[in-house]
Amino acid sequence: MNSLQQGEWMEWTDEEYVQRSRNGSPDDFRLLVERYQRPLFAYLSSRLNNQSEAEEAAQESFVRAFLSLKQLRKPNSFYAWLLGIAGRVVKEECRTLSRRLRDRAIAESLQPQESESAPEYPLEEAIAALPETYRRVIVLRYYEGLSCQEVGQRLGMPLGTVTKTLSRAYAVLRQELQAREGADQPLTKTNTNELR
């Protein structure tokens, strides 16, 4: 390709690049990427405050744009459309990060505290001592604030099973807390197994 042809290509509009990309010329989409890579990266860097996450988000945005190029109604508004896609990618990244931090905090709160004094949080310790099935349902329902229907969807359980499991978990918790009040003994998994 000579320099005149290359110069002509750089003068094409977004609409022309989009149309050519839709017609089976992915190289033209590459030229759109080259045109908007820097401004998109700057936009994402300002939103994510992390260069490597911004690079990943930019790459994900371009991939999504390429895969849904046929859905673009106004080819001359490619950049605005691309920013919309990038905004959704940022929201997903933030949700994922928030979920990871929340899950980590829950996991840390469920780990038994080793102390010789009386426990400060008997309910949390009782929940941590529950069998895995009961604990997962309790954590999703009350610590993550999901409805019973959402808990069922997350765990792949029918709604009736979720409510039945919650009811059994409440009974075990109630018995364990009452036993602790009377005996003032530390919680162990064997204590909760004896209560069933």
Protein backbone atom coordinates (compact mmCIF):
# COMPACT_ATOMS: atom_id res chain seq x y z
CA MET A 1 0.00 0.00 0.00
CA ASN A 2 1.46 3.36 -0.93
CA SER A 3 1.37 6.48 1.24
CA LEU A 4 -1.49 8.01 -0.76
CA GLN A 5 -3.72 5.04 -0.05
CA GLN A 6 -2.78 5.09 3.60
CA GLY A 7 -3.49 8.83 3.81
CA GLU A 8 -6.86 8.29 2.16
CA TRP A 9 -7.72 5.62 4.73
CA MET A 10 -6.95 7.96 7.60
CA GLU A 11 -9.44 10.46 6.15
CA TRP A 12 -12.34 8.01 6.17
CA THR A 13 -15.15 8.60 8.60
CA ASP A 14 -16.14 6.25 11.39
CA GLU A 15 -19.25 5.41 9.41
CA GLU A 16 -17.16 4.23 6.45
CA TYR A 17 -14.91 2.11 8.68
CA VAL A 18 -17.94 0.58 10.41
CA GLN A 19 -19.64 -0.24 7.10
CA ARG A 20 -16.47 -1.83 5.72
CA SER A 21 -15.98 -3.80 8.96
CA ARG A 22 -19.57 -5.04 8.79
CA ASN A 23 -18.97 -6.14 5.20
CA GLY A 24 -16.20 -8.51 6.19
CA SER A 25 -13.11 -6.33 6.45
CA PRO A 26 -11.83 -6.67 10.05
CA ASP A 27 -8.71 -4.67 9.13
CA ASP A 28 -10.91 -1.60 8.97
CA PHE A 29 -12.00 -2.21 12.54
CA ARG A 30 -8.32 -2.33 13.49
CA LEU A 31 -8.06 1.20 12.12
CA LEU A 32 -10.96 2.26 14.35
CA VAL A 33 -9.09 0.74 17.29
CA GLU A 34 -5.98 2.72 16.37
CA ARG A 35 -8.04 5.89 16.08
CA TYR A 36 -9.74 5.57 19.48
CA GLN A 37 -7.29 3.53 21.54
CA ARG A 38 -5.67 6.50 23.29
CA PRO A 39 -8.84 8.48 24.08
CA LEU A 40 -10.59 5.33 25.31
CA PHE A 41 -7.61 4.39 27.48
CA ALA A 42 -7.53 7.91 28.96
CA TYR A 43 -11.26 7.70 29.72
CA LEU A 44 -10.91 4.29 31.39
CA SER A 45 -7.78 5.29 33.32
CA SER A 46 -9.64 8.21 34.83
CA ARG A 47 -12.53 5.95 35.86
CA LEU A 48 -10.52 2.98 37.17
CA ASN A 49 -7.39 4.71 38.56
CA ASN A 50 -5.33 1.68 37.58
CA GLN A 51 -3.37 1.43 34.34
CA SER A 52 -3.42 -2.36 33.96
CA GLU A 53 -7.16 -2.55 34.71
CA ALA A 54 -7.75 0.27 32.22
CA GLU A 55 -5.81 -1.64 29.54
CA GLU A 56 -7.86 -4.77 30.17
CA ALA A 57 -11.10 -2.78 30.15
CA ALA A 58 -10.12 -1.08 26.88
CA GLN A 59 -9.37 -4.42 25.27
CA GLU A 60 -12.67 -5.85 26.54
CA SER A 61 -14.54 -2.79 25.23
CA PHE A 62 -13.08 -3.13 21.75
CA VAL A 63 -13.81 -6.86 21.65
CA ARG A 64 -17.43 -6.27 22.68
CA ALA A 65 -17.74 -3.48 20.13
CA PHE A 66 -16.43 -5.70 17.35
CA LEU A 67 -18.73 -8.58 18.29
CA SER A 68 -21.82 -6.38 18.37
CA LEU A 69 -20.93 -4.07 15.48
CA LYS A 70 -24.02 -5.22 13.54
CA GLN A 71 -26.21 -3.80 16.34
CA LEU A 72 -24.80 -0.27 16.01
CA ARG A 73 -27.70 1.82 14.67
CA LYS A 74 -25.78 5.02 13.94
CA PRO A 75 -22.36 4.14 12.49
CA ASN A 76 -21.35 7.81 12.54
CA SER A 77 -21.67 7.73 16.37
CA PHE A 78 -19.17 4.90 16.82
CA TYR A 79 -17.08 6.64 19.50
CA ALA A 80 -20.09 7.54 21.67
CA TRP A 81 -21.31 3.95 21.34
CA LEU A 82 -17.85 2.66 22.27
CA LEU A 83 -17.81 4.89 25.37
CA GLY A 84 -21.17 3.43 26.39
CA ILE A 85 -19.73 -0.07 26.11
CA ALA A 86 -16.66 1.01 28.08
CA GLY A 87 -18.88 2.50 30.80
CA ARG A 88 -20.66 -0.83 31.19
CA VAL A 89 -17.32 -2.64 31.37
CA VAL A 90 -16.22 -0.25 34.16
CA LYS A 91 -19.44 -0.89 36.10
CA GLU A 92 -18.93 -4.64 35.79
CA GLU A 93 -15.32 -4.30 36.97
CA CYS A 94 -16.42 -2.24 39.98
CA ARG A 95 -19.17 -4.74 40.85
CA THR A 96 -16.72 -7.63 40.57
CA LEU A 97 -14.17 -5.86 42.76
CA SER A 98 -16.84 -4.94 45.30
CA ARG A 99 -18.10 -8.53 45.37
CA ARG A 100 -14.56 -9.87 45.87
CA LEU A 101 -13.92 -7.46 48.74
CA ARG A 102 -17.26 -8.29 50.36
CA ASP A 103 -16.66 -12.05 49.99
CA ARG A 104 -13.19 -11.66 51.49
CA ALA A 105 -14.60 -9.69 54.43
CA ILE A 106 -17.28 -12.35 55.00
CA ALA A 107 -14.71 -15.12 54.83
CA GLU A 108 -12.50 -13.31 57.33
CA SER A 109 -15.44 -12.70 59.65
CA LEU A 110 -16.39 -16.39 59.53
CA GLN A 111 -12.94 -17.58 60.58
CA PRO A 112 -12.94 -18.49 64.26
CA GLN A 113 -11.13 -16.04 66.48
CA GLU A 114 -8.60 -17.66 68.77
CA SER A 115 -8.93 -16.07 72.15
CA GLU A 116 -9.08 -17.38 75.67
CA SER A 117 -11.66 -14.86 76.81
CA ALA A 118 -15.40 -15.14 76.18
CA PRO A 119 -16.33 -14.52 72.55
CA GLU A 120 -17.48 -11.03 71.73
CA TYR A 121 -19.64 -12.11 68.79
CA PRO A 122 -21.48 -15.30 69.71
CA LEU A 123 -23.85 -15.16 66.72
CA GLU A 124 -21.01 -14.87 64.20
CA GLU A 125 -19.17 -17.71 65.90
CA ALA A 126 -22.32 -19.83 65.87
CA ILE A 127 -22.77 -19.14 62.17
CA ALA A 128 -19.15 -20.02 61.50
CA ALA A 129 -19.66 -23.34 63.27
CA LEU A 130 -22.69 -24.27 61.15
CA PRO A 131 -22.42 -26.99 58.52
CA GLU A 132 -21.40 -25.57 55.12
CA THR A 133 -24.88 -25.80 53.55
CA TYR A 134 -26.53 -23.87 56.38
CA ARG A 135 -23.73 -21.31 56.57
CA ARG A 136 -23.86 -20.50 52.84
CA VAL A 137 -27.61 -19.89 52.92
CA ILE A 138 -27.39 -17.72 56.07
CA VAL A 139 -24.50 -15.67 54.69
CA LEU A 140 -26.18 -15.05 51.33
CA ARG A 141 -29.55 -14.24 52.90
CA TYR A 142 -28.48 -11.92 55.71
CA TYR A 143 -24.96 -10.73 55.09
CA GLU A 144 -25.35 -10.17 51.35
CA GLY A 145 -29.02 -9.21 51.65
CA LEU A 146 -30.31 -11.54 48.93
CA SER A 147 -33.93 -12.65 48.84
CA CYS A 148 -34.70 -16.34 49.25
CA GLN A 149 -35.38 -16.50 45.50
CA GLU A 150 -31.96 -14.94 44.74
CA VAL A 151 -30.24 -17.31 47.19
CA GLY A 152 -31.85 -20.21 45.37
CA GLN A 153 -30.68 -18.89 42.00
CA ARG A 154 -27.13 -18.30 43.26
CA LEU A 155 -26.87 -21.80 44.79
CA GLY A 156 -28.95 -23.62 42.18
CA MET A 157 -31.57 -24.67 44.77
CA PRO A 158 -35.36 -24.60 44.55
CA LEU A 159 -37.04 -21.92 46.67
CA GLY A 160 -38.58 -24.51 49.01
CA THR A 161 -35.17 -26.03 49.70
CA VAL A 162 -33.75 -22.59 50.53
CA THR A 163 -36.54 -21.80 53.02
CA LYS A 164 -36.31 -25.28 54.57
CA THR A 165 -32.52 -24.97 54.92
CA LEU A 166 -32.91 -21.50 56.49
CA SER A 167 -35.45 -22.86 58.97
CA ARG A 168 -33.14 -25.70 59.98
CA ALA A 169 -30.18 -23.32 60.26
CA TYR A 170 -32.23 -21.04 62.56
CA ALA A 171 -33.11 -23.99 64.78
CA VAL A 172 -29.46 -25.07 65.06
CA LEU A 173 -28.37 -21.48 65.77
CA ARG A 174 -31.08 -21.00 68.38
CA GLN A 175 -30.13 -24.22 70.18
CA GLU A 176 -26.43 -23.44 70.01
CA LEU A 177 -26.86 -19.92 71.38
CA GLN A 178 -29.14 -21.14 74.19
CA ALA A 179 -26.67 -23.89 75.06
CA ARG A 180 -23.82 -21.39 75.08
CA GLU A 181 -25.68 -19.05 77.40
CA GLY A 182 -26.30 -21.88 79.85
CA ALA A 183 -22.94 -23.64 79.62
CA ASP A 184 -20.76 -20.70 78.53
CA GLN A 185 -18.60 -23.05 76.48
CA PRO A 186 -16.66 -22.32 73.29
CA LEU A 187 -18.24 -23.27 70.00
CA THR A 188 -17.02 -26.22 68.04
CA LYS A 189 -18.33 -28.04 65.03
CA THR A 190 -18.96 -31.10 67.20
CA ASN A 191 -21.24 -29.06 69.47
CA THR A 192 -23.47 -28.13 66.53
CA ASN A 193 -23.43 -31.69 65.19
CA GLU A 194 -24.68 -32.96 68.56
CA LEU A 195 -27.60 -30.53 68.43
CA ARG A 196 -29.09 -32.02 65.26
